[in-house]
Amino acid sequence: MLMHKDPMQDTNSPMTFGQYLRCRETVSRAIKVSAIVGTILIAINQGDGIIAGSWPPLWKIILTYLVPYSVSSYSTAALLLDQQRSAGKIHQV
């Protein structure tokens, strides 16, 4: 995955929502949130089966981590874009 430089370091050119989704701050935060929230969700939703020795299908595990990653990425990118707009770096459309 291509990660862009820190959005707060470049003050000359505005970043797009897509660039914010791929920037280091967004990806790093989303990975941390996904690891914590995804693990908790697996324990809550699949814990009984895992303890009994029956693992859930791989696709369920992947989605359990992908959902919090996606929510965190979207939230962080939206916040950074909003802060950029508030700072007057780009015009709202």
Foldseek 3Di string as FASTA:
>chain_A
DDADEDQVVDPPADDDLVNLLRHPVQQVVLQVQLVVQLVVVCCVPVVVVVVVPHDDDPVVSVVSSVVSSVVSSNVRSVVVNVVCVVVVNDDDD
